[in-house]
Amino acid sequence: MTANQLTNRQVRLAKRPETTATREHWNFTSEPVGEPAEGGVLVKTLTLSLDPAMRGWLNDAKSYIPPVAIGEVMRAGGVGRVVASKNPAFAVGDTVYGTLGVQEYMLIEQDQIKRNGLVKIDLRAGTIGQWLNVLGMPGMTGYFGLMDVGQPKPGETVVISGAAGAVGQTVGQLAKIKGCRVVGIAGGAAKCDWVVKELGFDACIDYKAGEGAVRAGLKEHCPKGVDIYFDNVGGEILDQVLAKLARKARIIICGAISQYNNANSMPAAGPRNYLSLLVNRARMEGIVVFDYADRYHIAIAEMAGYLKDGRMKSKEDTVKGIETFPEALNKLFAGENFGKLMLEVAAD
């Protein structure tokens, strides 16, 4: 079958959600695929990464990246297979990573290849799931957030919220490799048991264990305070960690998943305990992974080595079928995913 005979199923933004994005906010469309132009490639989508940041891209607000436009195919990173190519850098059959969108095929023109971050990947270094997790955007976020912003030193106490999620699992394992004491915060006994028993965290606090659980857990597991806090959730948990900072602590602001579905998508008021930064001469800094794109290869090489020698594990949670996208995305905000959430569009 030629590219001109293929049909591309797509998920497009129909209207902007004020709180949770549900099926009514999306249009499912189909269109012919077509052949790539000179210098272009046609990629068949295999698996897409579902990330909390995708909810922020739906808001018509200034951010580090333009919002998804009404009627536009939903933005998403993913792994695919080149099925037609008129570019000497890509051959039919190559496995690639890039911004493919929530669709079955992506026709990428020559001048869009760099913009879409399209690169060949080696499945000998990791599985498709690992390339979307530890070796992908979550892993890069965790690596550069911890190493560049957090600057961990052996013996320091590192606390990570969303510890069982895609970014959190990488940060915790990397911090252990670098000689730190690691305390996770996750929702539910199963997730807490997994990060301790499987990933090697020193402790994990179950924020669902009742009122005061986080405060009590931090007191128990961080008796000398928190040297580094990797924040994926914001809100009340951020406030409680701020109250336990050690001198010269570093806080990495990666995300605020607890806030993303607030009315009109506006975050709640800022942290109440921010003066702890002053008292403890601490600093708080945000991490946007795209700032480190020219150094991804360094992090990938290091963490691929950890995967190979068993010092790092990669857990994925896969939902199948492009038609399930609206509900699959919301698993993130309900805390229903266990590991890196992915959407399988086509079997490899």
C-alpha atoms as a PDB file:
ATOM      1  CA  MET A   1       0.000   0.000   0.000  1.00  0.00           C
ATOM      2  CA  THR A   2       1.371   3.432  -0.950  1.00  0.00           C
ATOM      3  CA  ALA A   3       1.239   6.488   1.295  1.00  0.00           C
ATOM      4  CA  ASN A   4      -1.484   7.980  -0.918  1.00  0.00           C
ATOM      5  CA  GLN A   5      -3.717   5.031  -0.059  1.00  0.00           C
ATOM      6  CA  LEU A   6      -3.345   5.445   3.696  1.00  0.00           C
ATOM      7  CA  THR A   7      -5.828   7.208   5.990  1.00  0.00           C
ATOM      8  CA  ASN A   8      -4.638   9.155   9.009  1.00  0.00           C
ATOM      9  CA  ARG A   9      -6.834   9.187  12.106  1.00  0.00           C
ATOM     10  CA  GLN A  10      -6.191  12.263  14.262  1.00  0.00           C
ATOM     11  CA  VAL A  11      -7.279  13.870  17.541  1.00  0.00           C
ATOM     12  CA  ARG A  12      -7.760  17.640  17.293  1.00  0.00           C
ATOM     13  CA  LEU A  13      -8.570  20.242  19.942  1.00  0.00           C
ATOM     14  CA  ALA A  14     -12.225  21.262  19.567  1.00  0.00           C
ATOM     15  CA  LYS A  15     -12.455  23.777  22.425  1.00  0.00           C
ATOM     16  CA  ARG A  16     -10.404  24.802  25.425  1.00  0.00           C
ATOM     17  CA  PRO A  17     -11.313  23.172  28.746  1.00  0.00           C
ATOM     18  CA  GLU A  18     -11.815  25.322  31.824  1.00  0.00           C
ATOM     19  CA  THR A  19     -11.158  22.423  34.193  1.00  0.00           C
ATOM     20  CA  THR A  20     -10.810  18.775  33.173  1.00  0.00           C
ATOM     21  CA  ALA A  21     -10.475  18.064  29.458  1.00  0.00           C
ATOM     22  CA  THR A  22     -13.139  15.520  28.520  1.00  0.00           C
ATOM     23  CA  ARG A  23     -14.179  13.869  25.261  1.00  0.00           C
ATOM     24  CA  GLU A  24     -16.270  16.903  24.271  1.00  0.00           C
ATOM     25  CA  HIS A  25     -13.095  18.985  23.997  1.00  0.00           C
ATOM     26  CA  TRP A  26     -11.730  16.822  21.167  1.00  0.00           C
ATOM     27  CA  ASN A  27     -12.610  16.111  17.556  1.00  0.00           C
ATOM     28  CA  PHE A  28     -11.673  12.785  15.956  1.00  0.00           C
ATOM     29  CA  THR A  29     -10.909  13.333  12.288  1.00  0.00           C
ATOM     30  CA  SER A  30      -9.529  11.398   9.325  1.00  0.00           C
ATOM     31  CA  GLU A  31      -7.678  12.545   6.226  1.00  0.00           C
ATOM     32  CA  PRO A  32      -5.540  11.042   3.442  1.00  0.00           C
ATOM     33  CA  VAL A  33      -1.846  10.731   4.244  1.00  0.00           C
ATOM     34  CA  GLY A  34       0.036  11.545   1.053  1.00  0.00           C
ATOM     35  CA  GLU A  35       3.679  11.164   0.031  1.00  0.00           C
ATOM     36  CA  PRO A  36       6.512  13.171   1.608  1.00  0.00           C
ATOM     37  CA  ALA A  37       7.922  16.099  -0.357  1.00  0.00           C
ATOM     38  CA  GLU A  38      11.598  16.296  -1.283  1.00  0.00           C
ATOM     39  CA  GLY A  39      13.611  16.242   1.950  1.00  0.00           C
ATOM     40  CA  GLY A  40      10.631  15.108   3.986  1.00  0.00           C
ATOM     41  CA  VAL A  41       9.649  11.871   5.740  1.00  0.00           C
ATOM     42  CA  LEU A  42       6.469  10.018   6.610  1.00  0.00           C
ATOM     43  CA  VAL A  43       6.380   8.449  10.068  1.00  0.00           C
ATOM     44  CA  LYS A  44       3.906   5.876  11.360  1.00  0.00           C
ATOM     45  CA  THR A  45       3.175   6.507  15.013  1.00  0.00           C
ATOM     46  CA  LEU A  46       3.794   3.533  17.285  1.00  0.00           C
ATOM     47  CA  THR A  47       3.545   4.862  20.853  1.00  0.00           C
ATOM     48  CA  LEU A  48       2.904   8.339  22.264  1.00  0.00           C
ATOM     49  CA  SER A  49       3.997   9.830  25.561  1.00  0.00           C
ATOM     50  CA  LEU A  50       1.178  11.176  27.760  1.00  0.00           C
ATOM     51  CA  ASP A  51       2.491  13.871  30.079  1.00  0.00           C
ATOM     52  CA  PRO A  52       1.026  16.326  32.623  1.00  0.00           C
ATOM     53  CA  ALA A  53       2.404  19.240  30.582  1.00  0.00           C
ATOM     54  CA  MET A  54      -0.106  18.416  27.853  1.00  0.00           C
ATOM     55  CA  ARG A  55      -2.884  19.879  29.991  1.00  0.00           C
ATOM     56  CA  GLY A  56      -1.029  23.197  30.173  1.00  0.00           C
ATOM     57  CA  TRP A  57      -0.649  23.284  26.386  1.00  0.00           C
ATOM     58  CA  LEU A  58      -4.454  23.507  26.097  1.00  0.00           C
ATOM     59  CA  ASN A  59      -4.592  26.880  27.863  1.00  0.00           C
ATOM     60  CA  ASP A  60      -4.588  30.079  25.816  1.00  0.00           C
ATOM     61  CA  ALA A  61      -1.878  31.616  27.961  1.00  0.00           C
ATOM     62  CA  LYS A  62       1.748  32.648  27.628  1.00  0.00           C
ATOM     63  CA  SER A  63       4.105  29.816  28.486  1.00  0.00           C
ATOM     64  CA  TYR A  64       7.413  28.275  27.456  1.00  0.00           C
ATOM     65  CA  ILE A  65       5.720  26.855  24.346  1.00  0.00           C
ATOM     66  CA  PRO A  66       2.753  28.140  22.275  1.00  0.00           C
ATOM     67  CA  PRO A  67      -0.637  26.630  23.138  1.00  0.00           C
ATOM     68  CA  VAL A  68      -2.237  24.057  20.895  1.00  0.00           C
ATOM     69  CA  ALA A  69      -4.534  25.966  18.538  1.00  0.00           C
ATOM     70  CA  ILE A  70      -8.226  25.200  18.156  1.00  0.00           C
ATOM     71  CA  GLY A  71      -8.546  22.676  15.334  1.00  0.00           C
ATOM     72  CA  GLU A  72      -4.884  21.638  15.574  1.00  0.00           C
ATOM     73  CA  VAL A  73      -3.756  18.043  16.042  1.00  0.00           C
ATOM     74  CA  MET A  74      -2.947  17.588  19.739  1.00  0.00           C
ATOM     75  CA  ARG A  75       0.761  17.928  20.410  1.00  0.00           C
ATOM     76  CA  ALA A  76       2.525  14.838  21.749  1.00  0.00           C
ATOM     77  CA  GLY A  77       5.970  13.307  21.648  1.00  0.00           C
ATOM     78  CA  GLY A  78       6.296   9.743  20.545  1.00  0.00           C
ATOM     79  CA  VAL A  79       8.169   6.934  18.877  1.00  0.00           C
ATOM     80  CA  GLY A  80       7.421   5.944  15.306  1.00  0.00           C
ATOM     81  CA  ARG A  81       8.713   4.102  12.268  1.00  0.00           C
ATOM     82  CA  VAL A  82       9.735   5.754   8.995  1.00  0.00           C
ATOM     83  CA  VAL A  83       7.504   4.338   6.245  1.00  0.00           C
ATOM     84  CA  ALA A  84       8.501   6.697   3.399  1.00  0.00           C
ATOM     85  CA  SER A  85      11.493   8.992   3.050  1.00  0.00           C
ATOM     86  CA  LYS A  86      12.934  11.513   0.644  1.00  0.00           C
ATOM     87  CA  ASN A  87      15.600  12.571   3.133  1.00  0.00           C
ATOM     88  CA  PRO A  88      19.028  10.892   3.116  1.00  0.00           C
ATOM     89  CA  ALA A  89      19.251  11.141   6.922  1.00  0.00           C
ATOM     90  CA  PHE A  90      16.279   8.789   7.384  1.00  0.00           C
ATOM     91  CA  ALA A  91      15.701   5.391   5.806  1.00  0.00           C
ATOM     92  CA  VAL A  92      12.500   3.393   5.583  1.00  0.00           C
ATOM     93  CA  GLY A  93      12.366   1.205   8.677  1.00  0.00           C
ATOM     94  CA  ASP A  94      14.254   3.614  10.946  1.00  0.00           C
ATOM     95  CA  THR A  95      12.808   3.966  14.457  1.00  0.00           C
ATOM     96  CA  VAL A  96      12.510   7.646  15.368  1.00  0.00           C
ATOM     97  CA  TYR A  97      11.511   9.890  18.245  1.00  0.00           C
ATOM     98  CA  GLY A  98       9.941  13.318  17.842  1.00  0.00           C
ATOM     99  CA  THR A  99       6.840  15.462  18.190  1.00  0.00           C
ATOM    100  CA  LEU A 100       4.424  13.321  16.226  1.00  0.00           C
ATOM    101  CA  GLY A 101       1.056  14.497  17.552  1.00  0.00           C
ATOM    102  CA  VAL A 102      -1.925  12.381  18.516  1.00  0.00           C
ATOM    103  CA  GLN A 103      -2.375  10.796  15.110  1.00  0.00           C
ATOM    104  CA  GLU A 104      -1.538   7.612  13.242  1.00  0.00           C
ATOM    105  CA  TYR A 105       0.868   9.190  10.734  1.00  0.00           C
ATOM    106  CA  MET A 106       3.025  12.310  10.708  1.00  0.00           C
ATOM    107  CA  LEU A 107       4.122  13.845   7.394  1.00  0.00           C
ATOM    108  CA  ILE A 108       7.145  15.981   8.220  1.00  0.00           C
ATOM    109  CA  GLU A 109       8.605  18.454   5.737  1.00  0.00           C
ATOM    110  CA  GLN A 110      12.340  19.057   5.589  1.00  0.00           C
ATOM    111  CA  ASP A 111      12.179  22.397   7.431  1.00  0.00           C
ATOM    112  CA  GLN A 112      10.074  20.838  10.205  1.00  0.00           C
ATOM    113  CA  ILE A 113      12.427  17.966  11.031  1.00  0.00           C
ATOM    114  CA  LYS A 114      14.568  19.943  13.471  1.00  0.00           C
ATOM    115  CA  ARG A 115      11.586  21.820  14.892  1.00  0.00           C
ATOM    116  CA  ASN A 116       9.833  18.529  15.599  1.00  0.00           C
ATOM    117  CA  GLY A 117      12.969  17.115  17.208  1.00  0.00           C
ATOM    118  CA  LEU A 118      12.924  14.121  14.894  1.00  0.00           C
ATOM    119  CA  VAL A 119      15.889  11.865  15.625  1.00  0.00           C
ATOM    120  CA  LYS A 120      16.738   8.229  15.029  1.00  0.00           C
ATOM    121  CA  ILE A 121      16.831   6.052  18.124  1.00  0.00           C
ATOM    122  CA  ASP A 122      18.563   2.761  18.765  1.00  0.00           C
ATOM    123  CA  LEU A 123      16.317   0.078  20.247  1.00  0.00           C
ATOM    124  CA  ARG A 124      19.452  -1.780  21.347  1.00  0.00           C
ATOM    125  CA  ALA A 125      19.922   0.965  23.967  1.00  0.00           C
ATOM    126  CA  GLY A 126      16.375   0.627  25.289  1.00  0.00           C
ATOM    127  CA  THR A 127      12.841  -0.470  24.477  1.00  0.00           C
ATOM    128  CA  ILE A 128      10.241   1.887  23.019  1.00  0.00           C
ATOM    129  CA  GLY A 129       8.859   2.325  26.529  1.00  0.00           C
ATOM    130  CA  GLN A 130      12.274   3.204  27.905  1.00  0.00           C
ATOM    131  CA  TRP A 131      12.836   5.716  25.100  1.00  0.00           C
ATOM    132  CA  LEU A 132       9.622   7.457  26.203  1.00  0.00           C
ATOM    133  CA  ASN A 133      10.533   7.202  29.887  1.00  0.00           C
ATOM    134  CA  VAL A 134      14.077   7.124  31.270  1.00  0.00           C
ATOM    135  CA  LEU A 135      15.681   7.861  27.887  1.00  0.00           C
ATOM    136  CA  GLY A 136      12.944  10.291  26.814  1.00  0.00           C
ATOM    137  CA  MET A 137      11.558  13.634  27.978  1.00  0.00           C
ATOM    138  CA  PRO A 138      10.720  12.479  31.530  1.00  0.00           C
ATOM    139  CA  GLY A 139      14.209  11.086  31.969  1.00  0.00           C
ATOM    140  CA  MET A 140      15.828  14.208  30.529  1.00  0.00           C
ATOM    141  CA  THR A 141      13.705  16.374  32.815  1.00  0.00           C
ATOM    142  CA  GLY A 142      14.688  14.318  35.833  1.00  0.00           C
ATOM    143  CA  TYR A 143      18.359  14.186  34.908  1.00  0.00           C
ATOM    144  CA  PHE A 144      18.930  17.885  34.238  1.00  0.00           C
ATOM    145  CA  GLY A 145      16.561  19.020  36.969  1.00  0.00           C
ATOM    146  CA  LEU A 146      18.426  17.006  39.566  1.00  0.00           C
ATOM    147  CA  MET A 147      21.975  17.349  38.262  1.00  0.00           C
ATOM    148  CA  ASP A 148      21.983  20.949  36.984  1.00  0.00           C
ATOM    149  CA  VAL A 149      19.453  22.634  39.249  1.00  0.00           C
ATOM    150  CA  GLY A 150      19.620  20.381  42.317  1.00  0.00           C
ATOM    151  CA  GLN A 151      23.374  19.741  42.224  1.00  0.00           C
ATOM    152  CA  PRO A 152      23.233  16.748  44.590  1.00  0.00           C
ATOM    153  CA  LYS A 153      26.056  15.858  46.937  1.00  0.00           C
ATOM    154  CA  PRO A 154      26.590  12.423  48.509  1.00  0.00           C
ATOM    155  CA  GLY A 155      24.784  12.091  51.828  1.00  0.00           C
ATOM    156  CA  GLU A 156      22.179  14.765  51.123  1.00  0.00           C
ATOM    157  CA  THR A 157      18.462  14.085  51.600  1.00  0.00           C
ATOM    158  CA  VAL A 158      16.410  14.295  48.408  1.00  0.00           C
ATOM    159  CA  VAL A 159      12.587  14.342  48.547  1.00  0.00           C
ATOM    160  CA  ILE A 160      10.539  13.714  45.398  1.00  0.00           C
ATOM    161  CA  SER A 161       6.796  14.159  44.983  1.00  0.00           C
ATOM    162  CA  GLY A 162       5.068  12.114  42.300  1.00  0.00           C
ATOM    163  CA  ALA A 163       7.753   9.548  43.094  1.00  0.00           C
ATOM    164  CA  ALA A 164       6.136   6.679  41.181  1.00  0.00           C
ATOM    165  CA  GLY A 165       5.545   8.782  38.072  1.00  0.00           C
ATOM    166  CA  ALA A 166       7.725   9.066  35.007  1.00  0.00           C
ATOM    167  CA  VAL A 167       9.964  11.906  36.203  1.00  0.00           C
ATOM    168  CA  GLY A 168       9.920  10.916  39.858  1.00  0.00           C
ATOM    169  CA  GLN A 169      11.149   7.367  39.322  1.00  0.00           C
ATOM    170  CA  THR A 170      14.152   8.609  37.327  1.00  0.00           C
ATOM    171  CA  VAL A 171      15.050  11.334  39.827  1.00  0.00           C
ATOM    172  CA  GLY A 172      14.935   8.952  42.774  1.00  0.00           C
ATOM    173  CA  GLN A 173      17.045   6.254  41.181  1.00  0.00           C
ATOM    174  CA  LEU A 174      19.572   8.784  39.887  1.00  0.00           C
ATOM    175  CA  ALA A 175      19.835  10.422  43.322  1.00  0.00           C
ATOM    176  CA  LYS A 176      20.561   7.017  44.881  1.00  0.00           C
ATOM    177  CA  ILE A 177      23.254   6.357  42.286  1.00  0.00           C
ATOM    178  CA  LYS A 178      24.798   9.718  43.207  1.00  0.00           C
ATOM    179  CA  GLY A 179      24.946   8.714  46.875  1.00  0.00           C
ATOM    180  CA  CYS A 180      21.948  10.566  48.303  1.00  0.00           C
ATOM    181  CA  ARG A 181      19.285   9.530  50.804  1.00  0.00           C
ATOM    182  CA  VAL A 182      15.992   9.453  48.874  1.00  0.00           C
ATOM    183  CA  VAL A 183      12.478   9.905  50.230  1.00  0.00           C
ATOM    184  CA  GLY A 184       9.531   9.665  47.862  1.00  0.00           C
ATOM    185  CA  ILE A 185       5.978  10.950  48.178  1.00  0.00           C
ATOM    186  CA  ALA A 186       3.350   8.944  46.276  1.00  0.00           C
ATOM    187  CA  GLY A 187      -0.332   8.066  46.412  1.00  0.00           C
ATOM    188  CA  GLY A 188      -1.186   4.645  47.786  1.00  0.00           C
ATOM    189  CA  ALA A 189       0.591   1.807  49.550  1.00  0.00           C
ATOM    190  CA  ALA A 190       1.283  -0.102  46.311  1.00  0.00           C
ATOM    191  CA  LYS A 191       3.183   2.788  44.742  1.00  0.00           C
ATOM    192  CA  CYS A 192       5.108   3.462  47.946  1.00  0.00           C
ATOM    193  CA  ASP A 193       6.077  -0.194  48.296  1.00  0.00           C
ATOM    194  CA  TRP A 194       7.233  -0.277  44.682  1.00  0.00           C
ATOM    195  CA  VAL A 195       9.540   2.753  44.880  1.00  0.00           C
ATOM    196  CA  VAL A 196      11.147   1.402  48.057  1.00  0.00           C
ATOM    197  CA  LYS A 197      11.379  -2.311  47.223  1.00  0.00           C
ATOM    198  CA  GLU A 198      11.937  -2.112  43.469  1.00  0.00           C
ATOM    199  CA  LEU A 199      13.610   1.260  42.908  1.00  0.00           C
ATOM    200  CA  GLY A 200      15.620   1.369  46.122  1.00  0.00           C
ATOM    201  CA  PHE A 201      14.271   4.571  47.689  1.00  0.00           C
ATOM    202  CA  ASP A 202      15.098   4.790  51.390  1.00  0.00           C
ATOM    203  CA  ALA A 203      11.485   5.614  52.294  1.00  0.00           C
ATOM    204  CA  CYS A 204       8.204   6.676  50.720  1.00  0.00           C
ATOM    205  CA  ILE A 205       5.387   8.734  52.243  1.00  0.00           C
ATOM    206  CA  ASP A 206       1.817   7.851  51.245  1.00  0.00           C
ATOM    207  CA  TYR A 207       0.003  11.184  50.959  1.00  0.00           C
ATOM    208  CA  LYS A 208      -3.300   9.285  50.806  1.00  0.00           C
ATOM    209  CA  ALA A 209      -2.745   7.744  54.257  1.00  0.00           C
ATOM    210  CA  GLY A 210      -4.734  10.456  56.003  1.00  0.00           C
ATOM    211  CA  GLU A 211      -4.528  14.037  57.146  1.00  0.00           C
ATOM    212  CA  GLY A 212      -1.085  14.861  58.441  1.00  0.00           C
ATOM    213  CA  ALA A 213       0.576  11.890  56.715  1.00  0.00           C
ATOM    214  CA  VAL A 214       3.018  13.999  54.716  1.00  0.00           C
ATOM    215  CA  ARG A 215       3.963  16.200  57.637  1.00  0.00           C
ATOM    216  CA  ALA A 216       4.521  13.168  59.887  1.00  0.00           C
ATOM    217  CA  GLY A 217       6.436  11.315  57.193  1.00  0.00           C
ATOM    218  CA  LEU A 218       8.790  14.223  56.580  1.00  0.00           C
ATOM    219  CA  LYS A 219       9.437  14.524  60.305  1.00  0.00           C
ATOM    220  CA  GLU A 220      10.231  10.813  60.519  1.00  0.00           C
ATOM    221  CA  HIS A 221      12.281  10.359  57.376  1.00  0.00           C
ATOM    222  CA  CYS A 222      13.994  13.757  57.103  1.00  0.00           C
ATOM    223  CA  PRO A 223      15.113  14.480  60.680  1.00  0.00           C
ATOM    224  CA  LYS A 224      17.898  16.803  59.490  1.00  0.00           C
ATOM    225  CA  GLY A 225      15.710  18.546  56.925  1.00  0.00           C
ATOM    226  CA  VAL A 226      15.366  18.397  53.148  1.00  0.00           C
ATOM    227  CA  ASP A 227      18.424  19.335  51.088  1.00  0.00           C
ATOM    228  CA  ILE A 228      16.799  18.907  47.667  1.00  0.00           C
ATOM    229  CA  TYR A 229      13.096  18.816  46.848  1.00  0.00           C
ATOM    230  CA  PHE A 230      12.029  17.800  43.344  1.00  0.00           C
ATOM    231  CA  ASP A 231       8.468  19.091  43.048  1.00  0.00           C
ATOM    232  CA  ASN A 232       6.070  17.513  40.565  1.00  0.00           C
ATOM    233  CA  VAL A 233       2.781  18.318  42.301  1.00  0.00           C
ATOM    234  CA  GLY A 234       2.730  21.799  43.875  1.00  0.00           C
ATOM    235  CA  GLY A 235      -0.070  22.742  46.255  1.00  0.00           C
ATOM    236  CA  GLU A 236      -0.228  21.607  49.859  1.00  0.00           C
ATOM    237  CA  ILE A 237       2.621  19.112  49.564  1.00  0.00           C
ATOM    238  CA  LEU A 238       4.990  21.852  48.390  1.00  0.00           C
ATOM    239  CA  ASP A 239       4.000  23.920  51.421  1.00  0.00           C
ATOM    240  CA  GLN A 240       4.702  21.060  53.796  1.00  0.00           C
ATOM    241  CA  VAL A 241       8.130  20.372  52.315  1.00  0.00           C
ATOM    242  CA  LEU A 242       9.016  24.076  52.491  1.00  0.00           C
ATOM    243  CA  ALA A 243       8.516  23.847  56.238  1.00  0.00           C
ATOM    244  CA  LYS A 244      11.222  21.153  56.446  1.00  0.00           C
ATOM    245  CA  LEU A 245      14.029  22.718  54.406  1.00  0.00           C
ATOM    246  CA  ALA A 246      17.646  22.399  55.461  1.00  0.00           C
ATOM    247  CA  ARG A 247      20.126  25.259  55.168  1.00  0.00           C
ATOM    248  CA  LYS A 248      21.030  26.014  51.521  1.00  0.00           C
ATOM    249  CA  ALA A 249      18.283  23.709  50.223  1.00  0.00           C
ATOM    250  CA  ARG A 250      17.446  23.583  46.527  1.00  0.00           C
ATOM    251  CA  ILE A 251      13.900  23.180  45.207  1.00  0.00           C
ATOM    252  CA  ILE A 252      13.367  22.116  41.595  1.00  0.00           C
ATOM    253  CA  ILE A 253       9.980  23.172  40.241  1.00  0.00           C
ATOM    254  CA  CYS A 254       9.114  20.655  37.545  1.00  0.00           C
ATOM    255  CA  GLY A 255       5.322  20.689  37.642  1.00  0.00           C
ATOM    256  CA  ALA A 256       2.188  21.200  39.690  1.00  0.00           C
ATOM    257  CA  ILE A 257      -0.088  18.354  38.649  1.00  0.00           C
ATOM    258  CA  SER A 258      -2.373  18.925  41.634  1.00  0.00           C
ATOM    259  CA  GLN A 259      -3.254  22.342  40.192  1.00  0.00           C
ATOM    260  CA  TYR A 260      -3.647  21.792  36.454  1.00  0.00           C
ATOM    261  CA  ASN A 261      -7.399  21.180  36.424  1.00  0.00           C
ATOM    262  CA  ASN A 262      -8.319  24.141  38.618  1.00  0.00           C
ATOM    263  CA  ALA A 263     -11.129  26.338  37.299  1.00  0.00           C
ATOM    264  CA  ASN A 264      -9.969  28.324  34.257  1.00  0.00           C
ATOM    265  CA  SER A 265      -6.708  26.374  34.560  1.00  0.00           C
ATOM    266  CA  MET A 266      -5.242  28.965  36.900  1.00  0.00           C
ATOM    267  CA  PRO A 267      -2.988  27.686  39.670  1.00  0.00           C
ATOM    268  CA  ALA A 268      -3.993  28.246  43.269  1.00  0.00           C
ATOM    269  CA  ALA A 269      -2.269  30.877  45.377  1.00  0.00           C
ATOM    270  CA  GLY A 270       1.471  30.483  45.718  1.00  0.00           C
ATOM    271  CA  PRO A 271       3.165  28.655  48.588  1.00  0.00           C
ATOM    272  CA  ARG A 272       2.346  29.978  52.041  1.00  0.00           C
ATOM    273  CA  ASN A 273       5.691  28.907  53.488  1.00  0.00           C
ATOM    274  CA  TYR A 274       7.872  30.668  50.940  1.00  0.00           C
ATOM    275  CA  LEU A 275       9.696  32.647  53.628  1.00  0.00           C
ATOM    276  CA  SER A 276      11.421  29.388  54.503  1.00  0.00           C
ATOM    277  CA  LEU A 277      13.555  30.148  51.437  1.00  0.00           C
ATOM    278  CA  LEU A 278      14.772  33.286  53.184  1.00  0.00           C
ATOM    279  CA  VAL A 279      15.297  31.732  56.594  1.00  0.00           C
ATOM    280  CA  ASN A 280      17.229  28.765  55.169  1.00  0.00           C
ATOM    281  CA  ARG A 281      19.070  30.682  52.431  1.00  0.00           C
ATOM    282  CA  ALA A 282      17.446  28.265  50.000  1.00  0.00           C
ATOM    283  CA  ARG A 283      16.577  28.667  46.340  1.00  0.00           C
ATOM    284  CA  MET A 284      13.720  27.566  44.102  1.00  0.00           C
ATOM    285  CA  GLU A 285      14.225  27.202  40.359  1.00  0.00           C
ATOM    286  CA  GLY A 286      12.133  25.932  37.477  1.00  0.00           C
ATOM    287  CA  ILE A 287      13.191  23.314  34.944  1.00  0.00           C
ATOM    288  CA  VAL A 288      12.069  23.321  31.286  1.00  0.00           C
ATOM    289  CA  VAL A 289      13.625  20.327  29.604  1.00  0.00           C
ATOM    290  CA  PHE A 290      13.879  21.871  26.132  1.00  0.00           C
ATOM    291  CA  ASP A 291      16.594  24.208  27.446  1.00  0.00           C
ATOM    292  CA  TYR A 292      18.933  21.208  27.615  1.00  0.00           C
ATOM    293  CA  ALA A 293      18.281  19.736  24.159  1.00  0.00           C
ATOM    294  CA  ASP A 294      21.884  20.088  23.038  1.00  0.00           C
ATOM    295  CA  ARG A 295      22.970  17.899  25.975  1.00  0.00           C
ATOM    296  CA  TYR A 296      20.356  15.131  25.798  1.00  0.00           C
ATOM    297  CA  HIS A 297      22.907  12.758  24.303  1.00  0.00           C
ATOM    298  CA  ILE A 298      25.034  13.016  27.451  1.00  0.00           C
ATOM    299  CA  ALA A 299      22.150  12.056  29.741  1.00  0.00           C
ATOM    300  CA  ILE A 300      20.934   9.317  27.386  1.00  0.00           C
ATOM    301  CA  ALA A 301      24.358   7.698  27.248  1.00  0.00           C
ATOM    302  CA  GLU A 302      24.736   7.757  31.031  1.00  0.00           C
ATOM    303  CA  MET A 303      21.280   6.426  31.847  1.00  0.00           C
ATOM    304  CA  ALA A 304      21.314   3.803  29.098  1.00  0.00           C
ATOM    305  CA  GLY A 305      24.349   2.444  30.921  1.00  0.00           C
ATOM    306  CA  TYR A 306      22.416   2.352  34.183  1.00  0.00           C
ATOM    307  CA  LEU A 307      19.540   0.485  32.495  1.00  0.00           C
ATOM    308  CA  LYS A 308      21.959  -2.026  31.016  1.00  0.00           C
ATOM    309  CA  ASP A 309      23.796  -2.749  34.274  1.00  0.00           C
ATOM    310  CA  GLY A 310      20.584  -2.909  36.296  1.00  0.00           C
ATOM    311  CA  ARG A 311      21.135   0.145  38.479  1.00  0.00           C
ATOM    312  CA  MET A 312      18.065   1.816  36.987  1.00  0.00           C
ATOM    313  CA  LYS A 313      14.607   0.445  36.175  1.00  0.00           C
ATOM    314  CA  SER A 314      11.895   1.834  33.914  1.00  0.00           C
ATOM    315  CA  LYS A 315       8.210   1.179  34.564  1.00  0.00           C
ATOM    316  CA  GLU A 316       5.579   2.021  31.963  1.00  0.00           C
ATOM    317  CA  ASP A 317       1.780   2.041  32.009  1.00  0.00           C
ATOM    318  CA  THR A 318       0.383   1.545  28.502  1.00  0.00           C
ATOM    319  CA  VAL A 319      -3.116   2.298  27.235  1.00  0.00           C
ATOM    320  CA  LYS A 320      -4.008   1.030  23.759  1.00  0.00           C
ATOM    321  CA  GLY A 321      -5.894   2.748  20.958  1.00  0.00           C
ATOM    322  CA  ILE A 322      -5.923   6.337  19.700  1.00  0.00           C
ATOM    323  CA  GLU A 323      -9.673   6.460  20.373  1.00  0.00           C
ATOM    324  CA  THR A 324      -8.985   6.168  24.124  1.00  0.00           C
ATOM    325  CA  PHE A 325      -6.873   9.360  24.238  1.00  0.00           C
ATOM    326  CA  PRO A 326      -9.257  11.638  26.223  1.00  0.00           C
ATOM    327  CA  GLU A 327      -9.730   9.158  29.055  1.00  0.00           C
ATOM    328  CA  ALA A 328      -6.119   7.973  28.958  1.00  0.00           C
ATOM    329  CA  LEU A 329      -4.768  11.511  29.420  1.00  0.00           C
ATOM    330  CA  ASN A 330      -6.944  12.046  32.470  1.00  0.00           C
ATOM    331  CA  LYS A 331      -5.479   9.007  34.206  1.00  0.00           C
ATOM    332  CA  LEU A 332      -2.533  11.301  34.977  1.00  0.00           C
ATOM    333  CA  PHE A 333      -4.618  13.766  36.967  1.00  0.00           C
ATOM    334  CA  ALA A 334      -6.571  11.109  38.826  1.00  0.00           C
ATOM    335  CA  GLY A 335      -3.350   9.389  39.896  1.00  0.00           C
ATOM    336  CA  GLU A 336      -4.480   6.216  38.113  1.00  0.00           C
ATOM    337  CA  ASN A 337      -1.280   5.570  36.184  1.00  0.00           C
ATOM    338  CA  PHE A 338       1.487   3.469  37.684  1.00  0.00           C
ATOM    339  CA  GLY A 339       4.709   4.437  35.954  1.00  0.00           C
ATOM    340  CA  LYS A 340       5.198   6.335  32.705  1.00  0.00           C
ATOM    341  CA  LEU A 341       1.845   6.698  30.947  1.00  0.00           C
ATOM    342  CA  MET A 342       1.899   5.897  27.239  1.00  0.00           C
ATOM    343  CA  LEU A 343      -0.640   5.486  24.440  1.00  0.00           C
ATOM    344  CA  GLU A 344       0.020   2.654  22.013  1.00  0.00           C
ATOM    345  CA  VAL A 345      -1.271   3.745  18.613  1.00  0.00           C
ATOM    346  CA  ALA A 346       0.063   0.818  16.585  1.00  0.00           C
ATOM    347  CA  ALA A 347       1.896  -2.363  17.523  1.00  0.00           C
ATOM    348  CA  ASP A 348       5.578  -2.466  16.640  1.00  0.00           C
END
